[in-house]
N, C-alpha and C. Protein backbone atom coordinates (compact mmCIF):
# COMPACT_ATOMS: atom_id res chain seq x y z
N UNK A 1 -26.93 -80.99 19.12
CA UNK A 1 -26.77 -81.38 17.73
C UNK A 1 -26.24 -82.82 17.63
N UNK A 2 -26.81 -83.58 16.71
CA UNK A 2 -26.34 -84.94 16.50
C UNK A 2 -25.15 -84.95 15.55
N UNK A 3 -24.29 -85.94 15.71
CA UNK A 3 -23.15 -86.09 14.80
C UNK A 3 -23.67 -86.54 13.44
N UNK A 4 -23.27 -85.83 12.39
CA UNK A 4 -23.66 -86.21 11.04
C UNK A 4 -22.41 -86.27 10.15
N UNK A 5 -22.59 -86.67 8.90
CA UNK A 5 -21.45 -86.83 7.99
C UNK A 5 -20.71 -85.53 7.74
N UNK A 6 -21.44 -84.41 7.73
CA UNK A 6 -20.80 -83.12 7.50
C UNK A 6 -19.82 -82.80 8.63
N UNK A 7 -20.25 -83.03 9.86
CA UNK A 7 -19.39 -82.79 11.02
C UNK A 7 -18.16 -83.71 10.96
N UNK A 8 -18.39 -84.96 10.65
CA UNK A 8 -17.29 -85.93 10.60
C UNK A 8 -16.26 -85.52 9.56
N UNK A 9 -16.71 -85.10 8.38
CA UNK A 9 -15.79 -84.70 7.32
C UNK A 9 -15.03 -83.43 7.69
N UNK A 10 -15.72 -82.49 8.34
CA UNK A 10 -15.05 -81.25 8.74
C UNK A 10 -13.98 -81.53 9.81
N UNK A 11 -14.32 -82.39 10.76
CA UNK A 11 -13.35 -82.75 11.80
C UNK A 11 -12.18 -83.50 11.19
N UNK A 12 -12.44 -84.36 10.25
CA UNK A 12 -11.38 -85.09 9.56
C UNK A 12 -10.40 -84.12 8.89
N UNK A 13 -10.91 -83.16 8.17
CA UNK A 13 -10.04 -82.20 7.48
C UNK A 13 -9.26 -81.34 8.46
N UNK A 14 -9.91 -80.97 9.56
CA UNK A 14 -9.21 -80.19 10.60
C UNK A 14 -8.11 -81.02 11.24
N UNK A 15 -8.41 -82.28 11.52
CA UNK A 15 -7.42 -83.16 12.15
C UNK A 15 -6.19 -83.34 11.25
N UNK A 16 -6.41 -83.43 9.95
CA UNK A 16 -5.31 -83.62 9.00
C UNK A 16 -4.25 -82.53 9.12
N UNK A 17 -4.68 -81.33 9.51
CA UNK A 17 -3.74 -80.21 9.60
C UNK A 17 -2.65 -80.45 10.63
N UNK A 18 -2.91 -81.33 11.59
CA UNK A 18 -1.92 -81.60 12.64
C UNK A 18 -0.87 -82.62 12.21
N UNK A 19 -0.99 -83.12 10.98
CA UNK A 19 -0.08 -84.17 10.52
C UNK A 19 0.80 -83.75 9.35
N UNK A 20 0.84 -82.46 9.08
CA UNK A 20 1.73 -81.96 8.04
C UNK A 20 3.17 -82.21 8.49
N UNK A 21 3.95 -82.86 7.65
CA UNK A 21 5.36 -83.18 7.94
C UNK A 21 5.51 -84.12 9.14
N UNK A 22 4.48 -84.91 9.44
CA UNK A 22 4.56 -85.86 10.55
C UNK A 22 5.52 -87.00 10.21
N UNK A 23 6.10 -87.60 11.24
CA UNK A 23 7.00 -88.74 11.02
C UNK A 23 6.20 -89.93 10.50
N UNK A 24 6.87 -90.81 9.77
CA UNK A 24 6.19 -91.92 9.13
C UNK A 24 5.49 -92.86 10.09
N UNK A 25 5.97 -92.95 11.33
CA UNK A 25 5.35 -93.89 12.27
C UNK A 25 4.04 -93.36 12.84
N UNK A 26 3.85 -92.04 12.79
CA UNK A 26 2.61 -91.46 13.31
C UNK A 26 2.06 -90.41 12.34
N UNK A 27 1.98 -90.78 11.08
CA UNK A 27 1.45 -89.85 10.08
C UNK A 27 -0.04 -90.09 9.89
N UNK A 28 -0.62 -89.44 8.88
CA UNK A 28 -2.06 -89.56 8.67
C UNK A 28 -2.47 -90.98 8.28
N UNK A 29 -1.57 -91.73 7.64
CA UNK A 29 -1.91 -93.10 7.27
C UNK A 29 -2.15 -93.95 8.52
N UNK A 30 -1.43 -93.65 9.61
CA UNK A 30 -1.68 -94.35 10.88
C UNK A 30 -3.10 -94.05 11.36
N UNK A 31 -3.51 -92.80 11.28
CA UNK A 31 -4.87 -92.42 11.70
C UNK A 31 -5.90 -93.18 10.88
N UNK A 32 -5.68 -93.26 9.58
CA UNK A 32 -6.63 -93.95 8.71
C UNK A 32 -6.71 -95.44 9.04
N UNK A 33 -5.58 -96.05 9.35
CA UNK A 33 -5.60 -97.47 9.71
C UNK A 33 -6.33 -97.69 11.02
N UNK A 34 -6.08 -96.82 11.99
CA UNK A 34 -6.78 -96.92 13.28
C UNK A 34 -8.28 -96.71 13.08
N UNK A 35 -8.63 -95.75 12.25
CA UNK A 35 -10.03 -95.47 11.93
C UNK A 35 -10.71 -96.73 11.36
N UNK A 36 -10.07 -97.37 10.38
CA UNK A 36 -10.65 -98.55 9.74
C UNK A 36 -10.74 -99.73 10.72
N UNK A 37 -9.71 -99.92 11.51
CA UNK A 37 -9.74 -101.00 12.51
C UNK A 37 -10.82 -100.75 13.55
N UNK A 38 -10.91 -99.50 14.01
CA UNK A 38 -11.90 -99.15 15.03
C UNK A 38 -13.33 -99.37 14.52
N UNK A 39 -13.58 -99.01 13.27
CA UNK A 39 -14.91 -99.24 12.71
C UNK A 39 -15.20 -100.73 12.59
N UNK A 40 -14.21 -101.48 12.17
CA UNK A 40 -14.36 -102.94 12.06
C UNK A 40 -14.74 -103.56 13.41
N UNK A 41 -14.05 -103.14 14.45
CA UNK A 41 -14.33 -103.66 15.79
C UNK A 41 -15.68 -103.15 16.31
N UNK A 42 -15.94 -101.86 16.07
CA UNK A 42 -17.16 -101.23 16.58
C UNK A 42 -18.42 -101.90 16.05
N UNK A 43 -18.38 -102.31 14.79
CA UNK A 43 -19.56 -102.96 14.19
C UNK A 43 -19.84 -104.30 14.85
N UNK A 44 -18.79 -104.99 15.26
CA UNK A 44 -18.95 -106.28 15.95
C UNK A 44 -19.37 -106.09 17.41
N UNK A 45 -18.83 -105.04 18.02
CA UNK A 45 -19.07 -104.82 19.45
C UNK A 45 -20.29 -103.93 19.73
N UNK A 46 -20.94 -103.49 18.65
CA UNK A 46 -22.17 -102.68 18.76
C UNK A 46 -21.95 -101.37 19.54
N UNK A 47 -20.93 -100.65 19.13
CA UNK A 47 -20.61 -99.37 19.77
C UNK A 47 -21.19 -98.21 18.95
N UNK A 48 -21.04 -97.00 19.48
CA UNK A 48 -21.51 -95.79 18.80
C UNK A 48 -20.52 -95.47 17.68
N UNK A 49 -20.92 -95.72 16.44
CA UNK A 49 -20.03 -95.57 15.29
C UNK A 49 -19.56 -94.14 15.12
N UNK A 50 -20.43 -93.17 15.32
CA UNK A 50 -20.05 -91.78 15.11
C UNK A 50 -19.06 -91.28 16.15
N UNK A 51 -19.20 -91.72 17.38
CA UNK A 51 -18.21 -91.38 18.41
C UNK A 51 -16.86 -91.99 18.03
N UNK A 52 -16.89 -93.22 17.56
CA UNK A 52 -15.66 -93.89 17.13
C UNK A 52 -14.99 -93.12 16.00
N UNK A 53 -15.76 -92.69 15.03
CA UNK A 53 -15.20 -91.97 13.87
C UNK A 53 -14.49 -90.70 14.31
N UNK A 54 -15.15 -89.89 15.14
CA UNK A 54 -14.54 -88.64 15.57
C UNK A 54 -13.34 -88.88 16.48
N UNK A 55 -13.46 -89.82 17.39
CA UNK A 55 -12.35 -90.11 18.30
C UNK A 55 -11.14 -90.63 17.53
N UNK A 56 -11.39 -91.48 16.54
CA UNK A 56 -10.28 -92.03 15.75
C UNK A 56 -9.56 -90.94 14.97
N UNK A 57 -10.30 -90.04 14.35
CA UNK A 57 -9.67 -88.96 13.59
C UNK A 57 -8.88 -88.01 14.49
N UNK A 58 -9.33 -87.85 15.73
CA UNK A 58 -8.72 -86.88 16.63
C UNK A 58 -7.70 -87.47 17.60
N UNK A 59 -7.56 -88.77 17.65
CA UNK A 59 -6.82 -89.39 18.76
C UNK A 59 -5.35 -89.00 18.83
N UNK A 60 -4.75 -88.64 17.70
CA UNK A 60 -3.31 -88.31 17.70
C UNK A 60 -3.01 -86.86 17.35
N UNK A 61 -3.97 -85.97 17.48
CA UNK A 61 -3.71 -84.57 17.10
C UNK A 61 -2.67 -83.92 18.00
N UNK A 62 -2.41 -84.50 19.17
CA UNK A 62 -1.38 -83.96 20.06
C UNK A 62 -0.02 -84.58 19.86
N UNK A 63 0.10 -85.47 18.89
CA UNK A 63 1.35 -86.20 18.68
C UNK A 63 2.51 -85.29 18.31
N UNK A 64 2.25 -84.27 17.51
CA UNK A 64 3.33 -83.37 17.08
C UNK A 64 4.04 -82.74 18.27
N UNK A 65 3.25 -82.29 19.27
CA UNK A 65 3.84 -81.68 20.46
C UNK A 65 4.68 -82.69 21.25
N UNK A 66 4.19 -83.93 21.32
CA UNK A 66 4.97 -84.96 22.03
C UNK A 66 6.29 -85.24 21.33
N UNK A 67 6.26 -85.36 20.01
CA UNK A 67 7.49 -85.63 19.26
C UNK A 67 8.48 -84.49 19.40
N UNK A 68 7.97 -83.26 19.29
CA UNK A 68 8.86 -82.09 19.39
C UNK A 68 9.45 -81.94 20.78
N UNK A 69 8.71 -82.37 21.80
CA UNK A 69 9.19 -82.25 23.18
C UNK A 69 9.98 -83.48 23.63
N UNK A 70 10.19 -84.44 22.70
CA UNK A 70 10.89 -85.68 23.03
C UNK A 70 10.21 -86.42 24.19
N UNK A 71 8.89 -86.41 24.17
CA UNK A 71 8.13 -87.17 25.15
C UNK A 71 7.77 -86.44 26.42
N UNK A 72 8.18 -85.20 26.58
CA UNK A 72 7.86 -84.47 27.80
C UNK A 72 6.38 -84.10 27.86
N UNK A 73 5.77 -83.92 26.70
CA UNK A 73 4.34 -83.65 26.62
C UNK A 73 3.64 -84.95 26.24
N UNK A 74 2.58 -85.31 26.96
CA UNK A 74 1.80 -86.50 26.64
C UNK A 74 0.83 -86.17 25.51
N UNK A 75 0.95 -86.87 24.40
CA UNK A 75 0.12 -86.53 23.24
C UNK A 75 -1.36 -86.81 23.51
N UNK A 76 -1.67 -87.75 24.38
CA UNK A 76 -3.07 -88.04 24.69
C UNK A 76 -3.70 -86.89 25.47
N UNK A 77 -2.99 -86.39 26.47
CA UNK A 77 -3.50 -85.28 27.26
C UNK A 77 -3.60 -84.01 26.42
N UNK A 78 -2.57 -83.77 25.60
CA UNK A 78 -2.61 -82.60 24.71
C UNK A 78 -3.72 -82.76 23.68
N UNK A 79 -3.92 -83.98 23.23
CA UNK A 79 -4.96 -84.24 22.24
C UNK A 79 -6.35 -83.92 22.76
N UNK A 80 -6.59 -84.17 24.03
CA UNK A 80 -7.89 -83.84 24.63
C UNK A 80 -8.14 -82.34 24.54
N UNK A 81 -7.12 -81.55 24.86
CA UNK A 81 -7.25 -80.09 24.80
C UNK A 81 -7.58 -79.63 23.37
N UNK A 82 -6.82 -80.15 22.41
CA UNK A 82 -6.99 -79.74 21.02
C UNK A 82 -8.34 -80.21 20.47
N UNK A 83 -8.73 -81.43 20.81
CA UNK A 83 -10.00 -81.97 20.33
C UNK A 83 -11.19 -81.18 20.86
N UNK A 84 -11.10 -80.78 22.12
CA UNK A 84 -12.19 -80.00 22.72
C UNK A 84 -12.39 -78.69 21.96
N UNK A 85 -11.30 -78.05 21.58
CA UNK A 85 -11.40 -76.79 20.82
C UNK A 85 -12.01 -77.02 19.44
N UNK A 86 -11.66 -78.14 18.83
CA UNK A 86 -12.19 -78.45 17.51
C UNK A 86 -13.69 -78.74 17.57
N UNK A 87 -14.10 -79.46 18.60
CA UNK A 87 -15.49 -79.91 18.71
C UNK A 87 -16.46 -78.86 19.25
N UNK A 88 -15.95 -77.84 19.93
CA UNK A 88 -16.82 -76.90 20.62
C UNK A 88 -17.77 -76.15 19.68
N UNK A 89 -17.39 -75.99 18.43
CA UNK A 89 -18.22 -75.24 17.47
C UNK A 89 -19.48 -76.00 17.05
N UNK A 90 -19.53 -77.31 17.33
CA UNK A 90 -20.63 -78.13 16.82
C UNK A 90 -21.78 -78.30 17.81
N UNK A 91 -21.65 -77.80 18.99
CA UNK A 91 -22.75 -77.86 19.96
C UNK A 91 -23.27 -79.28 20.17
N UNK A 92 -22.33 -80.22 20.25
CA UNK A 92 -22.71 -81.61 20.54
C UNK A 92 -23.08 -81.74 22.00
N UNK A 93 -23.86 -82.77 22.33
CA UNK A 93 -24.24 -82.91 23.72
C UNK A 93 -23.02 -83.25 24.57
N UNK A 94 -23.08 -82.85 25.82
CA UNK A 94 -21.93 -82.97 26.73
C UNK A 94 -21.46 -84.41 26.87
N UNK A 95 -22.40 -85.34 26.96
CA UNK A 95 -22.04 -86.74 27.14
C UNK A 95 -21.21 -87.26 25.97
N UNK A 96 -21.60 -86.86 24.75
CA UNK A 96 -20.86 -87.29 23.56
C UNK A 96 -19.45 -86.73 23.56
N UNK A 97 -19.33 -85.44 23.84
CA UNK A 97 -18.01 -84.81 23.87
C UNK A 97 -17.12 -85.43 24.93
N UNK A 98 -17.69 -85.69 26.10
CA UNK A 98 -16.90 -86.29 27.17
C UNK A 98 -16.44 -87.70 26.80
N UNK A 99 -17.28 -88.43 26.10
CA UNK A 99 -16.89 -89.77 25.66
C UNK A 99 -15.74 -89.71 24.65
N UNK A 100 -15.83 -88.79 23.70
CA UNK A 100 -14.77 -88.62 22.71
C UNK A 100 -13.46 -88.22 23.39
N UNK A 101 -13.54 -87.27 24.32
CA UNK A 101 -12.35 -86.84 25.06
C UNK A 101 -11.77 -87.99 25.87
N UNK A 102 -12.64 -88.78 26.47
CA UNK A 102 -12.19 -89.93 27.24
C UNK A 102 -11.47 -90.94 26.34
N UNK A 103 -12.04 -91.18 25.17
CA UNK A 103 -11.40 -92.10 24.21
C UNK A 103 -9.98 -91.65 23.89
N UNK A 104 -9.81 -90.36 23.66
CA UNK A 104 -8.51 -89.82 23.31
C UNK A 104 -7.54 -89.91 24.48
N UNK A 105 -8.02 -89.57 25.65
CA UNK A 105 -7.16 -89.56 26.84
C UNK A 105 -6.61 -90.94 27.16
N UNK A 106 -7.43 -91.97 27.02
CA UNK A 106 -7.04 -93.30 27.51
C UNK A 106 -6.47 -94.20 26.42
N UNK A 107 -6.34 -93.71 25.18
CA UNK A 107 -5.89 -94.60 24.11
C UNK A 107 -4.40 -94.91 24.19
N UNK A 108 -3.64 -94.12 24.94
CA UNK A 108 -2.19 -94.28 24.97
C UNK A 108 -1.77 -95.49 25.80
N UNK A 109 -0.78 -96.22 25.32
CA UNK A 109 -0.25 -97.39 26.03
C UNK A 109 0.49 -96.97 27.29
N UNK A 110 1.27 -95.88 27.18
CA UNK A 110 2.14 -95.47 28.28
C UNK A 110 1.51 -94.39 29.16
N UNK A 111 0.39 -94.67 29.75
CA UNK A 111 -0.12 -93.81 30.82
C UNK A 111 -1.02 -94.64 31.73
N UNK A 112 -1.50 -94.04 32.79
CA UNK A 112 -2.24 -94.79 33.81
C UNK A 112 -3.75 -94.70 33.66
N UNK A 113 -4.22 -94.05 32.59
CA UNK A 113 -5.66 -93.92 32.39
C UNK A 113 -6.23 -95.21 31.79
N UNK A 114 -7.42 -95.60 32.26
CA UNK A 114 -8.04 -96.84 31.81
C UNK A 114 -9.34 -96.56 31.05
N UNK A 115 -9.54 -97.23 29.91
CA UNK A 115 -10.78 -97.05 29.15
C UNK A 115 -12.00 -97.52 29.94
N UNK A 116 -13.02 -96.68 29.99
CA UNK A 116 -14.22 -97.00 30.78
C UNK A 116 -15.46 -97.20 29.91
N UNK A 117 -15.43 -96.76 28.66
CA UNK A 117 -16.57 -96.95 27.76
C UNK A 117 -16.19 -97.93 26.66
N UNK A 118 -17.18 -98.52 26.02
CA UNK A 118 -16.89 -99.47 24.94
C UNK A 118 -16.18 -98.77 23.80
N UNK A 119 -16.54 -97.50 23.55
CA UNK A 119 -15.88 -96.76 22.48
C UNK A 119 -14.40 -96.52 22.80
N UNK A 120 -14.11 -96.23 24.06
CA UNK A 120 -12.73 -96.01 24.47
C UNK A 120 -11.93 -97.30 24.37
N UNK A 121 -12.54 -98.41 24.74
CA UNK A 121 -11.87 -99.70 24.64
C UNK A 121 -11.56 -100.05 23.19
N UNK A 122 -12.48 -99.72 22.32
CA UNK A 122 -12.30 -100.01 20.89
C UNK A 122 -11.18 -99.16 20.30
N UNK A 123 -11.17 -97.87 20.61
CA UNK A 123 -10.10 -97.02 20.09
C UNK A 123 -8.74 -97.47 20.63
N UNK A 124 -8.70 -97.81 21.91
CA UNK A 124 -7.47 -98.32 22.51
C UNK A 124 -6.98 -99.56 21.74
N UNK A 125 -7.89 -100.49 21.49
CA UNK A 125 -7.52 -101.71 20.79
C UNK A 125 -7.04 -101.42 19.37
N UNK A 126 -7.77 -100.58 18.65
CA UNK A 126 -7.40 -100.28 17.27
C UNK A 126 -6.02 -99.64 17.19
N UNK A 127 -5.75 -98.73 18.09
CA UNK A 127 -4.45 -98.06 18.12
C UNK A 127 -3.34 -99.05 18.43
N UNK A 128 -3.58 -99.96 19.37
CA UNK A 128 -2.58 -100.96 19.74
C UNK A 128 -2.37 -101.98 18.63
N UNK A 129 -3.44 -102.37 17.97
CA UNK A 129 -3.32 -103.34 16.89
C UNK A 129 -2.47 -102.81 15.74
N UNK A 130 -2.46 -101.51 15.56
CA UNK A 130 -1.63 -100.93 14.49
C UNK A 130 -0.16 -100.91 14.88
N UNK A 131 0.16 -101.26 16.11
CA UNK A 131 1.56 -101.28 16.55
C UNK A 131 2.16 -102.68 16.50
N UNK A 132 1.36 -103.68 16.11
CA UNK A 132 1.88 -105.03 16.00
C UNK A 132 1.57 -105.58 14.60
N UNK A 133 2.04 -106.80 14.32
CA UNK A 133 1.86 -107.34 12.98
C UNK A 133 2.88 -106.75 12.03
N UNK A 134 2.65 -106.93 10.74
CA UNK A 134 3.59 -106.45 9.72
C UNK A 134 3.73 -104.93 9.75
N UNK A 135 2.59 -104.24 9.84
CA UNK A 135 2.64 -102.77 9.91
C UNK A 135 3.35 -102.33 11.19
N UNK A 136 3.09 -103.03 12.28
CA UNK A 136 3.73 -102.68 13.55
C UNK A 136 5.24 -102.79 13.49
N UNK A 137 5.74 -103.82 12.84
CA UNK A 137 7.19 -103.99 12.68
C UNK A 137 7.77 -102.80 11.92
N UNK A 138 7.13 -102.43 10.82
CA UNK A 138 7.61 -101.29 10.04
C UNK A 138 7.59 -100.00 10.84
N UNK A 139 6.51 -99.78 11.57
CA UNK A 139 6.40 -98.57 12.38
C UNK A 139 7.44 -98.56 13.51
N UNK A 140 7.75 -99.73 14.04
CA UNK A 140 8.73 -99.84 15.11
C UNK A 140 10.08 -99.27 14.67
N UNK A 141 10.53 -99.65 13.49
CA UNK A 141 11.81 -99.17 13.00
C UNK A 141 11.76 -97.67 12.66
N UNK A 142 10.63 -97.23 12.13
CA UNK A 142 10.47 -95.80 11.85
C UNK A 142 10.52 -94.98 13.13
N UNK A 143 9.84 -95.47 14.18
CA UNK A 143 9.80 -94.75 15.45
C UNK A 143 11.19 -94.68 16.08
N UNK A 144 11.92 -95.79 16.03
CA UNK A 144 13.27 -95.80 16.59
C UNK A 144 14.15 -94.77 15.90
N UNK A 145 14.05 -94.71 14.57
CA UNK A 145 14.86 -93.74 13.84
C UNK A 145 14.47 -92.30 14.12
N UNK A 146 13.18 -92.04 14.20
CA UNK A 146 12.72 -90.67 14.43
C UNK A 146 12.97 -90.22 15.87
N UNK A 147 13.18 -91.19 16.78
CA UNK A 147 13.38 -90.87 18.20
C UNK A 147 14.84 -90.59 18.54
N UNK A 148 15.73 -90.84 17.60
CA UNK A 148 17.14 -90.56 17.86
C UNK A 148 18.05 -91.77 17.86
N UNK A 149 17.46 -92.97 17.79
CA UNK A 149 18.28 -94.17 17.71
C UNK A 149 18.71 -94.36 16.27
N UNK A 150 20.00 -94.54 16.05
CA UNK A 150 20.49 -94.66 14.68
C UNK A 150 21.09 -96.03 14.40
N UNK A 151 20.61 -97.05 15.13
CA UNK A 151 21.12 -98.40 14.90
C UNK A 151 19.98 -99.41 14.96
N UNK A 152 20.17 -100.56 14.32
CA UNK A 152 19.15 -101.60 14.33
C UNK A 152 18.98 -102.19 15.73
N UNK A 153 20.07 -102.32 16.44
CA UNK A 153 20.04 -102.87 17.80
C UNK A 153 21.30 -102.41 18.52
N UNK A 154 21.28 -102.46 19.85
CA UNK A 154 22.44 -102.04 20.64
C UNK A 154 23.15 -103.21 21.29
N UNK A 155 22.45 -104.32 21.42
CA UNK A 155 23.03 -105.47 22.11
C UNK A 155 22.71 -105.48 23.59
N UNK A 156 22.13 -104.38 24.08
CA UNK A 156 21.83 -104.25 25.51
C UNK A 156 20.33 -104.30 25.80
N UNK A 157 19.54 -104.68 24.79
CA UNK A 157 18.10 -104.57 24.92
C UNK A 157 17.54 -105.33 26.13
N UNK A 158 17.90 -106.58 26.29
CA UNK A 158 17.34 -107.39 27.38
C UNK A 158 17.75 -106.84 28.75
N UNK A 159 18.95 -106.34 28.84
CA UNK A 159 19.43 -105.74 30.09
C UNK A 159 18.66 -104.47 30.40
N UNK A 160 18.43 -103.65 29.38
CA UNK A 160 17.71 -102.39 29.58
C UNK A 160 16.25 -102.64 29.98
N UNK A 161 15.63 -103.65 29.40
CA UNK A 161 14.24 -103.96 29.73
C UNK A 161 14.11 -104.35 31.20
N UNK A 162 15.10 -105.07 31.72
CA UNK A 162 15.07 -105.47 33.12
C UNK A 162 15.10 -104.28 34.07
N UNK A 163 15.64 -103.14 33.59
CA UNK A 163 15.67 -101.93 34.41
C UNK A 163 14.29 -101.29 34.53
N UNK A 164 13.36 -101.76 33.69
CA UNK A 164 11.96 -101.27 33.71
C UNK A 164 11.87 -99.77 33.48
N UNK A 165 12.82 -99.23 32.77
CA UNK A 165 12.80 -97.80 32.45
C UNK A 165 12.39 -97.61 31.00
N UNK A 166 11.59 -96.59 30.75
CA UNK A 166 11.14 -96.29 29.40
C UNK A 166 12.22 -95.46 28.70
N UNK A 167 12.79 -96.00 27.64
CA UNK A 167 13.86 -95.32 26.93
C UNK A 167 13.37 -94.62 25.65
N UNK A 168 12.07 -94.39 25.56
CA UNK A 168 11.54 -93.71 24.38
C UNK A 168 12.21 -92.37 24.17
N UNK A 169 12.40 -92.02 22.92
CA UNK A 169 13.00 -90.75 22.50
C UNK A 169 14.47 -90.62 22.95
N UNK A 170 15.15 -91.74 23.10
CA UNK A 170 16.56 -91.71 23.45
C UNK A 170 17.34 -92.55 22.45
N UNK A 171 18.66 -92.40 22.44
CA UNK A 171 19.49 -93.13 21.49
C UNK A 171 19.49 -94.64 21.77
N UNK A 172 19.09 -95.02 22.99
CA UNK A 172 19.02 -96.44 23.33
C UNK A 172 17.76 -97.12 22.78
N UNK A 173 16.81 -96.32 22.31
CA UNK A 173 15.51 -96.86 21.93
C UNK A 173 15.54 -97.49 20.54
N UNK A 174 16.22 -98.61 20.43
CA UNK A 174 16.27 -99.35 19.17
C UNK A 174 14.93 -100.03 18.92
N UNK A 175 14.71 -100.48 17.69
CA UNK A 175 13.48 -101.20 17.36
C UNK A 175 13.36 -102.47 18.19
N UNK A 176 14.47 -103.12 18.45
CA UNK A 176 14.44 -104.35 19.24
C UNK A 176 14.06 -104.07 20.69
N UNK A 177 14.55 -102.96 21.25
CA UNK A 177 14.18 -102.60 22.62
C UNK A 177 12.69 -102.29 22.71
N UNK A 178 12.17 -101.59 21.72
CA UNK A 178 10.73 -101.28 21.71
C UNK A 178 9.90 -102.56 21.66
N UNK A 179 10.40 -103.53 20.94
CA UNK A 179 9.71 -104.83 20.88
C UNK A 179 9.68 -105.49 22.25
N UNK A 180 10.83 -105.56 22.91
CA UNK A 180 10.89 -106.19 24.22
C UNK A 180 10.11 -105.40 25.28
N UNK A 181 10.23 -104.07 25.22
CA UNK A 181 9.65 -103.23 26.27
C UNK A 181 8.13 -103.11 26.12
N UNK A 182 7.65 -103.04 24.87
CA UNK A 182 6.24 -102.74 24.66
C UNK A 182 5.51 -103.72 23.77
N UNK A 183 6.03 -103.94 22.57
CA UNK A 183 5.23 -104.59 21.53
C UNK A 183 4.85 -106.04 21.84
N UNK A 184 5.74 -106.79 22.46
CA UNK A 184 5.41 -108.18 22.75
C UNK A 184 4.35 -108.30 23.86
N UNK A 185 4.08 -107.19 24.56
CA UNK A 185 3.08 -107.18 25.62
C UNK A 185 1.70 -106.72 25.15
N UNK A 186 1.66 -106.19 23.93
CA UNK A 186 0.43 -105.56 23.45
C UNK A 186 -0.74 -106.52 23.42
N UNK A 187 -0.52 -107.74 22.93
CA UNK A 187 -1.62 -108.71 22.80
C UNK A 187 -2.36 -108.91 24.12
N UNK A 188 -1.63 -108.93 25.22
CA UNK A 188 -2.24 -109.17 26.52
C UNK A 188 -3.03 -107.97 27.03
N UNK A 189 -2.87 -106.82 26.39
CA UNK A 189 -3.55 -105.59 26.82
C UNK A 189 -4.86 -105.35 26.07
N UNK A 190 -5.08 -106.08 24.98
CA UNK A 190 -6.27 -105.84 24.16
C UNK A 190 -7.54 -106.14 24.98
N UNK A 191 -8.56 -105.31 24.81
CA UNK A 191 -9.72 -105.33 25.71
C UNK A 191 -10.98 -105.97 25.14
N UNK A 192 -11.20 -105.87 23.84
CA UNK A 192 -12.44 -106.38 23.26
C UNK A 192 -12.27 -107.78 22.68
N UNK A 193 -13.35 -108.50 22.60
CA UNK A 193 -13.32 -109.86 22.04
C UNK A 193 -12.86 -109.84 20.59
N UNK A 194 -13.38 -108.90 19.82
CA UNK A 194 -13.00 -108.80 18.41
C UNK A 194 -11.53 -108.42 18.27
N UNK A 195 -11.09 -107.49 19.09
CA UNK A 195 -9.69 -107.06 19.06
C UNK A 195 -8.73 -108.19 19.39
N UNK A 196 -9.13 -109.03 20.33
CA UNK A 196 -8.27 -110.16 20.74
C UNK A 196 -8.05 -111.13 19.58
N UNK A 197 -9.09 -111.36 18.78
CA UNK A 197 -8.96 -112.25 17.63
C UNK A 197 -7.98 -111.69 16.61
N UNK A 198 -8.07 -110.40 16.36
CA UNK A 198 -7.17 -109.77 15.41
C UNK A 198 -5.74 -109.78 15.94
N UNK A 199 -5.61 -109.54 17.23
CA UNK A 199 -4.29 -109.44 17.86
C UNK A 199 -3.52 -110.76 17.80
N UNK A 200 -4.21 -111.87 17.91
CA UNK A 200 -3.55 -113.17 17.96
C UNK A 200 -2.66 -113.39 16.74
N UNK A 201 -3.21 -113.20 15.56
CA UNK A 201 -2.44 -113.43 14.32
C UNK A 201 -1.34 -112.40 14.16
N UNK A 202 -1.65 -111.15 14.44
CA UNK A 202 -0.64 -110.10 14.30
C UNK A 202 0.52 -110.32 15.27
N UNK A 203 0.21 -110.72 16.48
CA UNK A 203 1.25 -110.97 17.48
C UNK A 203 2.17 -112.10 17.02
N UNK A 204 1.59 -113.18 16.55
CA UNK A 204 2.40 -114.33 16.14
C UNK A 204 3.32 -113.98 14.98
N UNK A 205 2.82 -113.19 14.04
CA UNK A 205 3.66 -112.76 12.92
C UNK A 205 4.86 -111.94 13.43
N UNK A 206 4.58 -111.02 14.33
CA UNK A 206 5.63 -110.14 14.85
C UNK A 206 6.68 -110.94 15.65
N UNK A 207 6.23 -111.87 16.47
CA UNK A 207 7.16 -112.69 17.25
C UNK A 207 8.08 -113.47 16.33
N UNK A 208 7.52 -114.06 15.27
CA UNK A 208 8.33 -114.81 14.31
C UNK A 208 9.35 -113.91 13.63
N UNK A 209 8.94 -112.68 13.31
CA UNK A 209 9.87 -111.75 12.66
C UNK A 209 11.06 -111.45 13.57
N UNK A 210 10.79 -111.10 14.83
CA UNK A 210 11.89 -110.71 15.71
C UNK A 210 12.76 -111.90 16.12
N UNK A 211 12.19 -113.10 16.12
CA UNK A 211 13.02 -114.29 16.34
C UNK A 211 14.03 -114.42 15.21
N UNK A 212 13.57 -114.29 14.00
CA UNK A 212 14.48 -114.36 12.85
C UNK A 212 15.46 -113.20 12.86
N UNK A 213 14.97 -112.02 13.19
CA UNK A 213 15.82 -110.82 13.25
C UNK A 213 17.02 -111.05 14.17
N UNK A 214 16.77 -111.61 15.34
CA UNK A 214 17.85 -111.84 16.29
C UNK A 214 18.80 -112.93 15.80
N UNK A 215 18.28 -113.94 15.14
CA UNK A 215 19.14 -114.96 14.59
C UNK A 215 20.04 -114.41 13.50
N UNK A 216 19.48 -113.54 12.66
CA UNK A 216 20.29 -112.91 11.61
C UNK A 216 21.34 -111.99 12.21
N UNK A 217 20.98 -111.28 13.29
CA UNK A 217 21.95 -110.42 13.98
C UNK A 217 23.17 -111.24 14.41
N UNK A 218 22.93 -112.45 14.88
CA UNK A 218 24.00 -113.31 15.37
C UNK A 218 24.68 -114.12 14.26
N UNK A 219 24.21 -113.92 13.04
CA UNK A 219 24.78 -114.64 11.91
C UNK A 219 24.40 -116.09 11.85
N UNK A 220 23.30 -116.44 12.52
CA UNK A 220 22.88 -117.84 12.56
C UNK A 220 21.91 -118.20 11.43
N UNK A 221 21.47 -117.22 10.71
CA UNK A 221 20.63 -117.44 9.52
C UNK A 221 21.12 -116.56 8.38
């Protein structure tokens, strides 16, 4: 069976069920932004639009389990399991399903899986682009709060980053630490030509914000 609009809409509605009471940093609005970014990139990169649509809607369906487990469960790996169950009723060809599952598995920043298809590279880029820029700054603070950090900064961020340890879901995981540990590196990870262009402006905005943020912390502005 070929992917059609009916299948896409049904998968979209099913995916929404996994975001009831989701935290603001990974709610359904994040999925919609990733979806729109992925389509924008896919049209330029000449990728399979329907694979992109389904992968984008399903990419974070495992997020709830990761949040509840404080990071012990990988939402990308869990998402592959959940997506496979959702898609099995549609009798799509094996190659298409495997591509969608691959897109979901490799979209995460914090794992060792590498995107091998153009669709996977596009979803990876779209998801990363939503973590930088103005929206990325807002999501950074939301994520820090939902992970257990209850302060704007700890003062130990640069020291903690040098330890090369991931402090996600801990009280040390301030928004500033997330910026140093992950967000300032995102631009260099983007894979597609179109994604790189989008990343440049978003990265520069974010860097300027955190420069000012640190100056204000020190009372210099």
